[in-house]
C-alpha cells in the first residue's frame, strides 16, 4: 500500500531537544481511535482481523489512524537501536546495609532496617508480614490455623454472591502441608525467616509447583509443562513463605482490566462491580482483601503498578535484571519484570529482599550491582530530594486524581521540604506506541508458533484481537521502536541529572465498571486502557525501577495511587521515598468492602 504511505516524523537530535520547564515540545495526548467493544462486537472484530486480505487492510488503517505509521514505522531517527534495557551500574550514594548472598540473609538484613509499626487503632490497616511473624512467635496463632482461615475465605470468595475470581488454581492439601511444616518450625524455634508461614500469592505467569502455568489461558499448560519453581519462587520457599496458589490474570497479560473469559473477572475489593486492573489482577486483589500481605506479579506495561493503584496497595517494579526472569512465561523478553504487590512499603521491601538476585542455578553473564536496603526506622526527612514533574503529563488524568496527587506532593513539601521541579519529558506518546510495538512483537514471536497449531476457540476473543494486532508489526517497526527506546533513555538520563525521581499519578482513571457484556468475550476498551497505562511505560521500556503508593480515594471511595520512577538500580532511594509518602497517608486508609482478617483473635 505504498500509495497510502504516511509521511514519517523527522525527529531532532536528542541534544537539540529542550527538557526544561520552558520547552516548546508539544504534549501529544493518546490518539486512540477505537470504540469500546464487548460481546458480539468483539467476535465480529476478531473474525474480520483474522480474514487474510480484509484483516491486513484493517490492521494497516488501524496503525495508520493511531499514528503508529507516522511516529514509529516511517519515522526518521538518528539513534541506533537499544534492544535490552540492562543498565551499566555507575555507582550510587547509598550508605545503607549491603546485602548478603542468600535470600534468608537478605531478608534478615532488610528486617534490621525496619522497626515494628505502631498500629493506629482509629484507622484501618492490613496485617503486615511482621505481624504474622510476631503472632506465630508469640504462639497467638499458628500457620496451620491461618491457612485454614485462608481456605475458608477463598471458598467464600467463590460463592455466587461474590465471584471474586482471585485464583486460577490453588491446592488445599499443598497449602496445609506447607502450613504444617511451618508450624512445626515455629514450635521448634527454627523459623527460617520473618517470611516463614506468611501466605504469598503467585501470578499464573510464574512457575510454581505443583501447579500448571496457564498465563490466564485455557491452553498454555498443554504446550508448556511446569517442571520446577521459578527462581523468585525458589527464593520465597527458602524463606519459608507459604505459596497459596496461582492468582488470576488477564489472558496472556494482553490487557489492563483483569477481565478473563476463561477464569472469571477478578473483582476489586473496594467495589466488586469495578475492575481490579491488569494484568496482575488476582495478585493485587488478594493483598487488598487481606488474604495475603504480599503477592508476586509480572509487570510488562504497568501490570503490577496499575492493579496495585486501583486496589489501594503498594506495587514495586524493580530495575530490569534485578530479579531473575527464570521460570516466567516468555511473553515479553525486554519489557516484562517480576514485581511485588504488598499492603505496605515495608512488606514490599521484605519480599524484594527475598527475590532479588541472579539465577541460583548458574552464574549470571552480567554482574548485578550490589543490593542495598533503605533505613525505614522512621520517615526521617532526607535532605534535598528533588521530584521531577512534567505538568501537562501529570495533569492528564481525571480531576479527582489530579487534585489528590497534587495534595500528596504538597504534603511532601510541607513535611519534608522536598522540592518539586518542573521538567519536560519529550515524545511520551511516541514511547507508548514504541513500547506497544515491542511488547506485541515479542509476545507474537514467543507464542505465535503454538497459536498456529491450535484451535482458535481455545483463545479468548479479546486476546484473539490482541494477537492479530501483535502479529502485524514488521521488522522495520520493531527496529524503529528500539531506536526510540535509545532516544527516550537519553531524555530520561537528562531528567535524572536534575532530579532524584520522576513523580506522576499511577493511573489516569480509577477502577471502572465491569460490563455485563464482558463475561464470555472480554472487552476492548482502548481509551480506558490508554488512561491506565499513561504513566507506566518508562518503567518497562527503559528498565527503570518504579513504585506506586496509595495516597487517597475518589468520591466513589476508589483508591488513587502516586508513582515514583527512579534511576536504574536506585531501588533503595525509591523505597525510602515511598515509605515517607506512606507515612503521611496511611492514617487515612479505608477498609475495602471485601476484607478478611486472618489474624483475628
Protein backbone atom coordinates (compact mmCIF):
# COMPACT_ATOMS: atom_id res chain seq x y z
CA UNK A 1 0.00 0.00 0.00
CA UNK A 2 2.83 2.34 -0.90
CA UNK A 3 0.43 4.87 -2.44
CA UNK A 4 -1.12 5.33 1.01
CA UNK A 5 2.20 5.59 2.81
CA UNK A 6 2.16 8.08 5.66
CA UNK A 7 4.98 10.58 5.89
CA UNK A 8 7.03 9.76 8.97
CA UNK A 9 8.01 12.15 11.72
CA UNK A 10 11.52 13.61 11.43
CA UNK A 11 12.97 13.72 14.94
CA UNK A 12 15.52 16.27 16.11
CA UNK A 13 18.82 15.16 17.59
CA UNK A 14 18.43 14.41 21.30
CA UNK A 15 20.83 17.15 22.31
CA UNK A 16 18.70 19.71 20.44
CA UNK A 17 15.54 18.88 22.41
CA UNK A 18 14.89 21.01 25.50
CA UNK A 19 13.77 19.02 28.59
CA UNK A 20 13.46 22.10 30.80
CA UNK A 21 10.20 23.65 32.06
CA UNK A 22 10.02 26.19 29.22
CA UNK A 23 10.50 23.72 26.40
CA UNK A 24 8.48 24.25 23.23
CA UNK A 25 7.85 20.49 23.00
CA UNK A 26 4.17 19.77 22.32
CA UNK A 27 2.47 17.32 24.71
CA UNK A 28 0.65 14.84 22.49
CA UNK A 29 -2.23 13.07 24.20
CA UNK A 30 -3.01 9.44 23.38
CA UNK A 31 -4.52 9.36 19.91
CA UNK A 32 -6.77 6.35 20.50
CA UNK A 33 -9.39 5.91 17.78
CA UNK A 34 -11.38 2.84 18.71
CA UNK A 35 -14.80 2.39 20.33
CA UNK A 36 -15.33 0.12 23.32
CA UNK A 37 -16.37 -3.35 22.19
CA UNK A 38 -17.61 -6.41 24.04
CA UNK A 39 -19.87 -9.37 23.37
CA UNK A 40 -20.86 -9.92 19.74
CA UNK A 41 -18.92 -6.86 18.51
CA UNK A 42 -15.63 -8.29 19.77
CA UNK A 43 -16.35 -11.55 17.95
CA UNK A 44 -17.06 -9.74 14.69
CA UNK A 45 -13.92 -7.62 15.05
CA UNK A 46 -11.77 -10.70 15.75
CA UNK A 47 -13.22 -12.56 12.76
CA UNK A 48 -12.53 -9.61 10.47
CA UNK A 49 -8.95 -9.22 11.64
CA UNK A 50 -8.31 -12.93 11.08
CA UNK A 51 -9.55 -12.73 7.47
CA UNK A 52 -6.35 -12.80 5.33
CA UNK A 53 -6.87 -9.87 2.95
CA UNK A 54 -9.52 -7.80 4.73
CA UNK A 55 -7.76 -8.27 8.08
CA UNK A 56 -4.45 -7.00 6.72
CA UNK A 57 -6.18 -3.95 5.28
CA UNK A 58 -7.93 -3.21 8.58
CA UNK A 59 -4.69 -3.54 10.53
CA UNK A 60 -2.92 -1.20 8.13
CA UNK A 61 -5.50 1.53 8.66
CA UNK A 62 -5.69 0.90 12.42
CA UNK A 63 -1.97 1.51 12.75
CA UNK A 64 -2.14 4.49 10.43
CA UNK A 65 -5.08 6.14 12.22
CA UNK A 66 -3.50 5.62 15.64
CA UNK A 67 -0.27 7.32 14.48
CA UNK A 68 1.97 4.23 14.64
CA UNK A 69 2.92 4.76 10.99
CA UNK A 70 3.77 8.43 11.42
CA UNK A 71 5.52 8.28 14.79
CA UNK A 72 7.19 4.84 14.62
CA UNK A 73 7.02 2.92 11.32
CA UNK A 74 8.23 5.58 8.89
CA UNK A 75 9.94 7.88 11.40
CA UNK A 76 13.38 9.27 10.63
CA UNK A 77 15.70 8.81 13.62
CA UNK A 78 19.41 9.31 14.22
CA UNK A 79 19.72 6.86 17.13
CA UNK A 80 20.84 3.25 16.87
CA UNK A 81 18.61 0.52 18.33
CA UNK A 82 18.77 -0.40 22.03
CA UNK A 83 17.37 -3.91 22.36
CA UNK A 84 17.71 -4.65 26.08
CA UNK A 85 17.36 -2.02 28.85
CA UNK A 86 20.00 -3.54 31.12
CA UNK A 87 21.88 -0.62 32.62
CA UNK A 88 25.54 -0.25 33.40
CA UNK A 89 25.91 0.49 37.12
CA UNK A 90 27.51 3.87 37.68
CA UNK A 91 27.61 3.71 41.47
CA UNK A 92 25.32 5.38 43.96
CA UNK A 93 25.16 7.46 47.11
CA UNK A 94 23.59 4.77 49.28
CA UNK A 95 25.15 4.16 52.67
CA UNK A 96 22.64 1.65 53.98
CA UNK A 97 23.11 -2.03 54.62
CA UNK A 98 24.75 -4.01 51.86
CA UNK A 99 23.09 -7.30 51.01
CA UNK A 100 24.19 -10.79 51.85
CA UNK A 101 24.04 -13.60 49.34
CA UNK A 102 21.23 -15.94 50.37
CA UNK A 103 17.55 -14.94 50.32
CA UNK A 104 17.28 -15.53 54.08
CA UNK A 105 20.29 -13.33 54.79
CA UNK A 106 18.95 -10.60 52.54
CA UNK A 107 15.58 -10.73 54.32
CA UNK A 108 17.32 -10.61 57.70
CA UNK A 109 19.28 -7.53 56.71
CA UNK A 110 16.19 -5.83 55.29
CA UNK A 111 14.38 -6.56 58.55
CA UNK A 112 17.18 -4.88 60.51
CA UNK A 113 16.43 -1.69 58.56
CA UNK A 114 12.87 -1.61 59.93
CA UNK A 115 11.00 -1.25 63.19
CA UNK A 116 7.60 -2.70 64.01
CA UNK A 117 5.00 -0.10 63.01
CA UNK A 118 2.74 1.24 65.74
CA UNK A 119 -0.88 0.38 64.90
CA UNK A 120 -3.31 3.29 64.80
CA UNK A 121 -6.43 1.68 66.24
CA UNK A 122 -8.59 4.51 64.91
CA UNK A 123 -7.76 3.83 61.26
CA UNK A 124 -7.75 0.80 59.00
CA UNK A 125 -4.54 -1.12 58.39
CA UNK A 126 -3.72 -4.53 56.94
CA UNK A 127 -1.74 -7.11 58.87
CA UNK A 128 1.91 -6.93 57.84
CA UNK A 129 4.48 -9.68 57.37
CA UNK A 130 5.98 -8.71 60.71
CA UNK A 131 2.53 -9.02 62.32
CA UNK A 132 2.27 -12.61 61.06
CA UNK A 133 5.75 -13.47 62.30
CA UNK A 134 5.11 -11.88 65.69
CA UNK A 135 1.81 -13.75 66.10
CA UNK A 136 3.48 -17.06 65.26
CA UNK A 137 6.44 -16.49 67.57
CA UNK A 138 4.20 -15.47 70.46
CA UNK A 139 2.03 -18.60 69.94
CA UNK A 140 -1.10 -16.44 69.49
CA UNK A 141 -1.89 -18.41 66.35
CA UNK A 142 -0.20 -20.97 64.10
CA UNK A 143 0.39 -21.01 60.33
CA UNK A 144 -1.94 -24.01 60.15
CA UNK A 145 -4.80 -22.08 61.75
CA UNK A 146 -4.17 -19.09 59.49
CA UNK A 147 -4.24 -21.29 56.40
CA UNK A 148 -7.49 -22.91 57.49
CA UNK A 149 -8.99 -19.44 57.72
CA UNK A 150 -7.44 -18.57 54.35
CA UNK A 151 -9.04 -21.57 52.64
CA UNK A 152 -12.40 -20.75 54.21
CA UNK A 153 -12.11 -17.17 52.93
CA UNK A 154 -11.19 -18.29 49.41
CA UNK A 155 -14.16 -20.67 49.39
CA UNK A 156 -16.42 -17.82 50.48
CA UNK A 157 -14.98 -15.54 47.77
CA UNK A 158 -16.08 -18.06 45.13
CA UNK A 159 -19.75 -18.04 46.12
CA UNK A 160 -22.29 -16.73 43.57
CA UNK A 161 -22.87 -13.57 45.61
CA UNK A 162 -19.18 -12.59 45.39
CA UNK A 163 -17.44 -14.33 42.46
CA UNK A 164 -14.16 -12.55 43.25
CA UNK A 165 -12.12 -14.88 40.99
CA UNK A 166 -8.91 -14.32 42.96
CA UNK A 167 -7.23 -17.56 41.90
CA UNK A 168 -6.89 -19.67 38.79
CA UNK A 169 -5.59 -22.59 40.81
CA UNK A 170 -5.00 -23.45 44.46
CA UNK A 171 -4.45 -26.77 46.22
CA UNK A 172 -5.77 -27.02 49.79
CA UNK A 173 -3.70 -30.13 50.56
CA UNK A 174 -0.46 -28.50 49.40
CA UNK A 175 -1.24 -25.29 51.32
CA UNK A 176 -1.98 -27.15 54.57
CA UNK A 177 1.15 -29.28 54.14
CA UNK A 178 3.29 -26.15 53.86
CA UNK A 179 1.47 -24.69 56.88
CA UNK A 180 2.07 -27.81 58.99
CA UNK A 181 5.79 -27.70 58.18
CA UNK A 182 5.95 -24.01 59.11
CA UNK A 183 4.01 -24.63 62.33
CA UNK A 184 6.49 -27.31 63.31
CA UNK A 185 9.43 -24.99 62.67
CA UNK A 186 7.93 -22.34 64.93
CA UNK A 187 7.23 -24.93 67.63
CA UNK A 188 10.88 -25.95 67.49
CA UNK A 189 12.09 -22.33 67.45
CA UNK A 190 13.58 -22.79 63.98
CA UNK A 191 11.65 -20.37 61.79
CA UNK A 192 13.56 -19.82 58.55
CA UNK A 193 12.91 -16.07 58.35
CA UNK A 194 10.29 -13.43 59.07
CA UNK A 195 8.52 -14.74 55.95
CA UNK A 196 8.07 -18.22 57.43
CA UNK A 197 4.38 -19.15 57.42
CA UNK A 198 3.35 -15.97 55.59
CA UNK A 199 0.86 -16.51 52.74
CA UNK A 200 2.04 -15.19 49.37
CA UNK A 201 0.16 -15.47 46.06
CA UNK A 202 1.93 -16.13 42.77
CA UNK A 203 0.67 -14.75 39.45
CA UNK A 204 -0.17 -17.52 37.00
CA UNK A 205 2.55 -16.28 34.66
CA UNK A 206 5.22 -17.65 37.01
CA UNK A 207 6.12 -21.32 37.52
CA UNK A 208 5.23 -22.60 40.98
CA UNK A 209 4.94 -26.29 41.79
CA UNK A 210 2.64 -28.23 41.93
CA UNK A 211 0.55 -26.05 39.64
CA UNK A 212 0.45 -25.73 35.85
CA UNK A 213 1.24 -22.27 34.48
CA UNK A 214 -1.62 -21.10 32.28
CA UNK A 215 -0.82 -17.43 31.65
CA UNK A 216 -4.55 -16.86 32.07
CA UNK A 217 -5.32 -19.12 29.08
CA UNK A 218 -7.05 -22.46 28.55
CA UNK A 219 -4.15 -23.89 26.55
CA UNK A 220 -0.70 -22.69 27.67
CA UNK A 221 -0.18 -25.50 30.21
CA UNK A 222 -0.89 -28.07 27.48
CA UNK A 223 2.06 -26.99 25.33
CA UNK A 224 4.47 -25.87 28.07
CA UNK A 225 4.90 -28.02 31.15
CA UNK A 226 5.78 -26.53 34.54
CA UNK A 227 8.64 -28.72 35.80
CA UNK A 228 10.20 -26.58 38.51
CA UNK A 229 9.72 -23.41 40.52
CA UNK A 230 10.69 -20.10 39.00
CA UNK A 231 13.78 -18.59 40.59
CA UNK A 232 11.79 -15.98 42.53
CA UNK A 233 9.52 -18.74 43.87
CA UNK A 234 12.52 -20.85 44.94
CA UNK A 235 13.80 -17.90 46.92
CA UNK A 236 10.49 -17.43 48.70
CA UNK A 237 10.39 -21.14 49.58
CA UNK A 238 13.87 -20.91 51.07
CA UNK A 239 12.50 -18.21 53.38
CA UNK A 240 9.57 -20.40 54.48
CA UNK A 241 6.78 -18.46 52.77
CA UNK A 242 3.55 -20.39 52.16
CA UNK A 243 2.79 -20.22 48.44
CA UNK A 244 -1.00 -20.24 48.35
CA UNK A 245 -1.71 -20.75 44.66
CA UNK A 246 -1.76 -19.12 41.24
CA UNK A 247 -3.53 -15.79 41.12
CA UNK A 248 -5.78 -14.75 38.26
CA UNK A 249 -4.60 -12.53 35.43
CA UNK A 250 -5.67 -11.03 32.13
CA UNK A 251 -5.27 -13.65 29.39
CA UNK A 252 -1.64 -13.61 28.11
CA UNK A 253 -1.19 -10.35 30.03
CA UNK A 254 -2.70 -8.73 26.93
CA UNK A 255 -4.97 -6.24 28.69
CA UNK A 256 -5.31 -3.79 31.54
CA UNK A 257 -8.66 -4.73 33.08
CA UNK A 258 -8.19 -8.23 34.51
CA UNK A 259 -11.37 -9.38 32.75
CA UNK A 260 -10.76 -13.04 31.88
CA UNK A 261 -13.42 -15.05 29.98
CA UNK A 262 -11.86 -18.39 30.98
CA UNK A 263 -11.15 -17.99 34.70
CA UNK A 264 -13.53 -15.21 35.69
CA UNK A 265 -13.07 -11.49 36.19
CA UNK A 266 -11.10 -10.56 39.29
CA UNK A 267 -13.20 -8.02 41.16
CA UNK A 268 -11.94 -5.01 43.06
CA UNK A 269 -12.27 -5.48 46.85
CA UNK A 270 -13.17 -1.79 47.19
CA UNK A 271 -16.17 -2.26 44.88
CA UNK A 272 -16.92 -5.67 43.40
CA UNK A 273 -18.63 -4.05 40.43
CA UNK A 274 -15.31 -2.49 39.37
CA UNK A 275 -12.21 -3.93 37.72
CA UNK A 276 -9.12 -4.84 39.75
CA UNK A 277 -6.84 -3.83 36.86
CA UNK A 278 -4.39 -5.98 34.97
CA UNK A 279 -2.72 -7.92 34.15
CA UNK A 280 -1.72 -8.94 37.73
CA UNK A 281 -5.33 -8.57 38.85
CA UNK A 282 -5.53 -11.50 41.27
CA UNK A 283 -2.27 -10.60 42.99
CA UNK A 284 -3.48 -7.07 43.70
CA UNK A 285 -6.92 -8.18 44.86
CA UNK A 286 -5.71 -10.86 47.33
CA UNK A 287 -3.49 -8.29 49.03
CA UNK A 288 -6.25 -5.66 49.13
CA UNK A 289 -8.72 -8.20 50.56
CA UNK A 290 -6.38 -9.26 53.38
CA UNK A 291 -5.78 -12.81 52.12
CA UNK A 292 -2.02 -12.23 51.68
CA UNK A 293 0.22 -9.44 52.95
CA UNK A 294 2.13 -9.70 49.66
CA UNK A 295 1.91 -11.33 46.25
CA UNK A 296 4.09 -11.65 43.16
CA UNK A 297 3.19 -10.29 39.72
CA UNK A 298 4.85 -9.58 36.41
CA UNK A 299 4.97 -6.04 35.05
CA UNK A 300 5.30 -5.73 31.25
CA UNK A 301 3.37 -2.49 30.82
CA UNK A 302 2.36 -1.44 34.32
CA UNK A 303 0.86 -4.84 35.11
CA UNK A 304 1.94 -4.67 38.77
CA UNK A 305 1.58 -0.95 39.39
CA UNK A 306 -1.80 -0.43 37.69
CA UNK A 307 -3.75 -3.06 39.67
CA UNK A 308 -1.89 -2.09 42.84
CA UNK A 309 -3.08 1.50 42.45
CA UNK A 310 -6.66 0.52 41.56
CA UNK A 311 -6.83 -1.83 44.57
CA UNK A 312 -5.20 0.54 47.06
CA UNK A 313 -1.94 -1.34 47.73
CA UNK A 314 1.77 -0.87 47.09
CA UNK A 315 3.25 -2.04 43.78
CA UNK A 316 7.03 -2.25 43.22
CA UNK A 317 8.67 -2.95 39.87
CA UNK A 318 12.45 -3.29 40.29
CA UNK A 319 15.10 -2.39 37.71
CA UNK A 320 15.35 -4.66 34.68
CA UNK A 321 17.59 -7.58 35.65
CA UNK A 322 17.35 -7.12 39.42
CA UNK A 323 15.07 -10.16 39.80
CA UNK A 324 15.70 -13.30 37.75
CA UNK A 325 13.18 -13.95 34.98
CA UNK A 326 13.91 -17.67 35.01
CA UNK A 327 10.68 -19.67 35.16
CA UNK A 328 8.47 -16.80 33.98
CA UNK A 329 6.44 -17.25 30.80
CA UNK A 330 8.45 -15.69 27.94
CA UNK A 331 5.66 -13.36 26.82
CA UNK A 332 7.92 -10.30 26.57
CA UNK A 333 11.67 -10.60 26.96
CA UNK A 334 12.81 -6.99 27.23
CA UNK A 335 9.93 -5.19 28.96
CA UNK A 336 8.49 -7.69 31.48
CA UNK A 337 9.84 -7.85 35.02
CA UNK A 338 8.83 -9.69 38.18
CA UNK A 339 7.32 -7.27 40.69
CA UNK A 340 5.78 -7.17 44.17
CA UNK A 341 2.33 -6.19 45.40
CA UNK A 342 2.07 -5.60 49.15
CA UNK A 343 -0.02 -3.97 51.82
CA UNK A 344 2.82 -1.70 52.94
CA UNK A 345 6.15 -0.41 51.65
CA UNK A 346 7.89 -2.39 54.41
CA UNK A 347 6.33 -5.64 53.19
CA UNK A 348 7.33 -4.82 49.62
CA UNK A 349 10.91 -4.34 50.85
CA UNK A 350 10.99 -7.72 52.64
CA UNK A 351 9.74 -9.62 49.59
CA UNK A 352 12.06 -7.59 47.33
CA UNK A 353 14.95 -8.65 49.56
CA UNK A 354 13.92 -12.30 49.27
CA UNK A 355 13.54 -12.49 45.49
CA UNK A 356 16.32 -10.17 44.30
CA UNK A 357 19.40 -11.71 42.76
CA UNK A 358 20.57 -13.72 39.75
CA UNK A 359 19.53 -17.26 38.91
CA UNK A 360 20.98 -19.52 41.60
CA UNK A 361 21.46 -22.44 39.21
CA UNK A 362 24.06 -20.74 37.05
CA UNK A 363 26.33 -17.74 37.01
CA UNK A 364 24.79 -14.65 35.51
CA UNK A 365 26.56 -13.31 32.43
CA UNK A 366 26.00 -9.79 33.71
CA UNK A 367 27.28 -8.79 37.13
CA UNK A 368 24.47 -7.07 39.01
CA UNK A 369 25.21 -4.09 41.26
CA UNK A 370 25.17 -4.72 44.99
CA UNK A 371 21.81 -4.76 46.68
CA UNK A 372 21.20 -2.05 49.26
CA UNK A 373 18.31 -1.62 51.67
CA UNK A 374 16.95 1.73 52.91
CA UNK A 375 16.69 2.52 56.59
CA UNK A 376 12.98 2.57 57.40
CA UNK A 377 13.29 3.15 61.12
CA UNK A 378 11.21 6.28 60.75
CA UNK A 379 10.16 8.54 57.88
CA UNK A 380 13.15 10.77 58.58
CA UNK A 381 13.27 13.60 56.06
CA UNK A 382 16.04 13.01 53.57
CA UNK A 383 17.53 16.36 52.61
CA UNK A 384 17.42 17.85 49.14
CA UNK A 385 15.13 15.32 47.48
CA UNK A 386 14.08 16.63 44.08
CA UNK A 387 10.95 15.33 42.39
CA UNK A 388 10.68 15.86 38.62
CA UNK A 389 7.16 16.72 37.48
CA UNK A 390 6.05 17.23 33.88
CA UNK A 391 2.96 19.33 34.46
CA UNK A 392 0.98 18.62 31.28
CA UNK A 393 1.59 14.89 31.64
CA UNK A 394 0.89 14.89 35.39
CA UNK A 395 -2.43 16.64 34.83
CA UNK A 396 -3.55 14.33 32.00
CA UNK A 397 -5.84 12.35 34.32
CA UNK A 398 -9.28 12.81 35.78
CA UNK A 399 -9.74 15.78 38.09
CA UNK A 400 -10.07 13.80 41.32
CA UNK A 401 -6.77 12.02 40.68
CA UNK A 402 -5.04 15.29 39.76
CA UNK A 403 -6.20 17.02 42.94
CA UNK A 404 -5.37 14.05 45.18
CA UNK A 405 -1.86 13.54 43.76
CA UNK A 406 -1.13 17.29 43.83
CA UNK A 407 -2.06 17.37 47.52
CA UNK A 408 0.28 14.44 48.14
CA UNK A 409 3.14 16.47 46.65
CA UNK A 410 2.21 19.39 48.88
CA UNK A 411 2.45 17.07 51.90
CA UNK A 412 5.97 16.05 50.88
CA UNK A 413 6.95 19.71 50.54
CA UNK A 414 5.33 20.84 53.79
CA UNK A 415 6.55 17.93 55.94
CA UNK A 416 9.97 17.17 54.47
CA UNK A 417 10.91 20.25 52.48
CA UNK A 418 11.22 18.23 49.27
CA UNK A 419 11.33 20.23 46.08
CA UNK A 420 9.19 19.57 43.01
CA UNK A 421 10.95 20.79 39.88
CA UNK A 422 9.21 21.30 36.56
CA UNK A 423 10.59 19.44 33.56
CA UNK A 424 9.51 18.39 30.07
CA UNK A 425 9.70 14.74 29.07
CA UNK A 426 9.50 14.76 25.28
CA UNK A 427 7.65 12.36 22.99
CA UNK A 428 5.79 10.35 25.64
CA UNK A 429 3.09 9.20 23.22
CA UNK A 430 5.83 8.10 20.83
CA UNK A 431 7.31 5.99 23.64
CA UNK A 432 3.90 4.45 24.41
CA UNK A 433 3.48 3.38 20.80
CA UNK A 434 7.06 2.08 20.58
CA UNK A 435 6.52 0.05 23.74
CA UNK A 436 3.28 -1.35 22.27
CA UNK A 437 5.12 -2.42 19.12
CA UNK A 438 7.85 -4.01 21.24
CA UNK A 439 5.67 -5.92 23.71
CA UNK A 440 3.36 -7.01 20.89
CA UNK A 441 6.17 -8.20 18.64
CA UNK A 442 7.85 -10.13 21.43
CA UNK A 443 4.61 -11.78 22.54
CA UNK A 444 3.73 -12.74 18.96
CA UNK A 445 7.19 -14.19 18.35
CA UNK A 446 7.06 -16.16 21.59
CA UNK A 447 3.63 -17.76 21.29
CA UNK A 448 2.86 -17.42 17.57
CA UNK A 449 4.10 -20.89 16.56
CA UNK A 450 1.91 -22.53 19.22
CA UNK A 451 -1.15 -20.48 18.28
CA UNK A 452 -0.85 -21.53 14.65
CA UNK A 453 -1.20 -25.19 15.67
CA UNK A 454 -4.27 -24.90 17.86
CA UNK A 455 -7.98 -24.39 17.57
CA UNK A 456 -8.70 -20.66 17.82
CA UNK A 457 -11.68 -21.43 20.04
CA UNK A 458 -9.14 -22.08 22.82
CA UNK A 459 -8.23 -18.37 22.83
CA UNK A 460 -10.46 -15.64 24.27
CA UNK A 461 -11.99 -13.19 21.82
CA UNK A 462 -10.26 -10.08 23.16
CA UNK A 463 -6.94 -11.95 23.21
CA UNK A 464 -7.51 -13.00 19.59
CA UNK A 465 -7.78 -9.36 18.63
CA UNK A 466 -4.60 -8.54 20.54
CA UNK A 467 -2.71 -11.43 18.93
CA UNK A 468 -3.83 -10.30 15.46
CA UNK A 469 -2.53 -6.79 16.09
CA UNK A 470 0.70 -8.09 17.62
CA UNK A 471 1.39 -10.27 14.58
CA UNK A 472 1.01 -7.32 12.22
CA UNK A 473 4.12 -5.48 13.37
CA UNK A 474 7.01 -5.51 10.91
CA UNK A 475 10.75 -5.76 11.46
CA UNK A 476 11.01 -2.08 10.46
CA UNK A 477 8.53 -1.14 13.18
CA UNK A 478 10.32 -3.23 15.79
CA UNK A 479 13.73 -1.76 14.89
CA UNK A 480 12.44 1.80 14.96
CA UNK A 481 10.82 1.11 18.32
CA UNK A 482 14.23 0.11 19.69
CA UNK A 483 15.76 3.29 18.28
CA UNK A 484 13.04 5.23 20.12
CA UNK A 485 13.96 3.27 23.27
CA UNK A 486 17.54 4.54 22.95
CA UNK A 487 16.31 8.06 22.37
CA UNK A 488 13.98 8.02 25.36
CA UNK A 489 16.69 6.65 27.63
CA UNK A 490 18.86 9.65 26.76
CA UNK A 491 15.99 12.01 27.56
CA UNK A 492 15.45 10.32 30.92
CA UNK A 493 19.15 10.45 31.79
CA UNK A 494 18.99 14.20 31.34
CA UNK A 495 15.91 14.40 33.57
CA UNK A 496 17.67 12.33 36.25
CA UNK A 497 20.65 14.69 36.15
CA UNK A 498 18.26 17.32 37.52
CA UNK A 499 16.13 15.24 39.91
CA UNK A 500 16.21 12.13 42.08
CA UNK A 501 12.91 10.64 40.87
CA UNK A 502 10.09 11.38 38.46
CA UNK A 503 6.66 11.68 40.08
CA UNK A 504 3.30 11.02 38.41
CA UNK A 505 -0.16 9.73 39.23
CA UNK A 506 -0.09 5.96 38.77
CA UNK A 507 -3.14 5.83 36.51
CA UNK A 508 -5.25 8.33 34.60
CA UNK A 509 -8.54 6.88 35.84
CA UNK A 510 -9.72 4.92 38.87
CA UNK A 511 -11.28 1.46 38.61
CA UNK A 512 -14.14 1.49 36.12
CA UNK A 513 -17.28 -0.65 35.92
CA UNK A 514 -17.24 -4.29 34.79
CA UNK A 515 -19.73 -4.50 31.93
CA UNK A 516 -22.38 -7.20 31.88
CA UNK A 517 -21.38 -7.97 28.29
CA UNK A 518 -17.78 -8.94 29.07
CA UNK A 519 -18.21 -12.32 30.76
CA UNK A 520 -17.74 -14.56 27.72
CA UNK A 521 -15.72 -12.37 25.36
CA UNK A 522 -13.71 -9.96 27.46
CA UNK A 523 -13.71 -6.38 26.21
CA UNK A 524 -11.74 -3.97 24.07
CA UNK A 525 -11.59 -0.59 25.79
CA UNK A 526 -8.56 1.15 24.36
CA UNK A 527 -9.50 4.58 25.70
CA UNK A 528 -9.59 3.45 29.33
CA UNK A 529 -6.62 1.20 28.61
CA UNK A 530 -4.55 4.14 27.38
CA UNK A 531 -5.51 6.11 30.50
CA UNK A 532 -4.43 3.22 32.74
CA UNK A 533 -1.00 2.78 31.07
CA UNK A 534 -0.37 6.52 30.62
CA UNK A 535 2.27 6.76 33.35
CA UNK A 536 3.62 3.19 33.21
CA UNK A 537 5.72 2.89 30.09
CA UNK A 538 9.13 4.29 31.10
CA UNK A 539 9.45 1.73 33.87
CA UNK A 540 9.13 -1.15 31.39
CA UNK A 541 10.51 0.21 28.13
CA UNK A 542 13.57 1.76 29.79
CA UNK A 543 14.01 -0.83 32.57
CA UNK A 544 13.65 1.74 35.36
CA UNK A 545 12.50 0.91 38.91
CA UNK A 546 9.12 2.33 39.89
CA UNK A 547 6.75 2.13 42.84
CA UNK A 548 3.15 3.15 43.47
CA UNK A 549 1.79 4.13 46.90
CA UNK A 550 -1.89 4.69 47.80
CA UNK A 551 -2.46 8.37 48.61
CA UNK A 552 -6.23 8.78 48.68
CA UNK A 553 -9.63 7.99 47.20
CA UNK A 554 -12.07 9.47 44.73
CA UNK A 555 -15.69 10.39 45.56
CA UNK A 556 -16.74 6.78 44.96
CA UNK A 557 -14.20 5.63 47.59
CA UNK A 558 -11.96 4.05 44.93
CA UNK A 559 -8.19 4.14 45.59
CA UNK A 560 -5.74 6.55 43.94
CA UNK A 561 -2.02 5.86 43.67
CA UNK A 562 1.03 8.11 43.30
CA UNK A 563 4.02 6.76 41.38
CA UNK A 564 7.73 7.41 41.77
CA UNK A 565 10.09 6.40 38.93
CA UNK A 566 13.75 6.05 39.88
CA UNK A 567 17.18 5.83 38.34
CA UNK A 568 18.45 2.37 37.35
CA UNK A 569 19.39 0.25 40.39
CA UNK A 570 18.24 3.01 42.78
CA UNK A 571 15.52 0.95 44.49
CA UNK A 572 16.87 1.86 47.92
CA UNK A 573 16.15 5.57 47.50
CA UNK A 574 12.89 4.85 45.70
CA UNK A 575 11.60 2.66 48.54
CA UNK A 576 12.59 5.25 51.14
CA UNK A 577 10.73 7.99 49.27
CA UNK A 578 7.66 5.73 49.00
CA UNK A 579 7.90 4.92 52.73
CA UNK A 580 7.99 8.63 53.54
CA UNK A 581 4.93 9.22 51.37
CA UNK A 582 3.13 6.29 53.01
CA UNK A 583 3.76 7.74 56.48
CA UNK A 584 1.79 10.85 55.53
CA UNK A 585 -1.20 8.96 54.09
CA UNK A 586 -1.54 5.66 55.97
CA UNK A 587 -3.79 7.06 58.71
CA UNK A 588 -6.37 7.87 56.02
CA UNK A 589 -6.51 4.35 54.56
CA UNK A 590 -10.00 2.90 54.21
CA UNK A 591 -11.16 -0.67 54.65
CA UNK A 592 -12.31 -2.39 51.44
CA UNK A 593 -15.87 -3.69 51.05
CA UNK A 594 -14.44 -7.21 50.83
CA UNK A 595 -11.87 -7.99 53.51
CA UNK A 596 -10.83 -10.93 55.69
CA UNK A 597 -8.93 -10.68 58.97
CA UNK A 598 -6.80 -13.85 59.09
CA UNK A 599 -5.11 -12.94 62.40
CA UNK A 600 -8.27 -12.06 64.32
CA UNK A 601 -8.10 -13.17 67.93
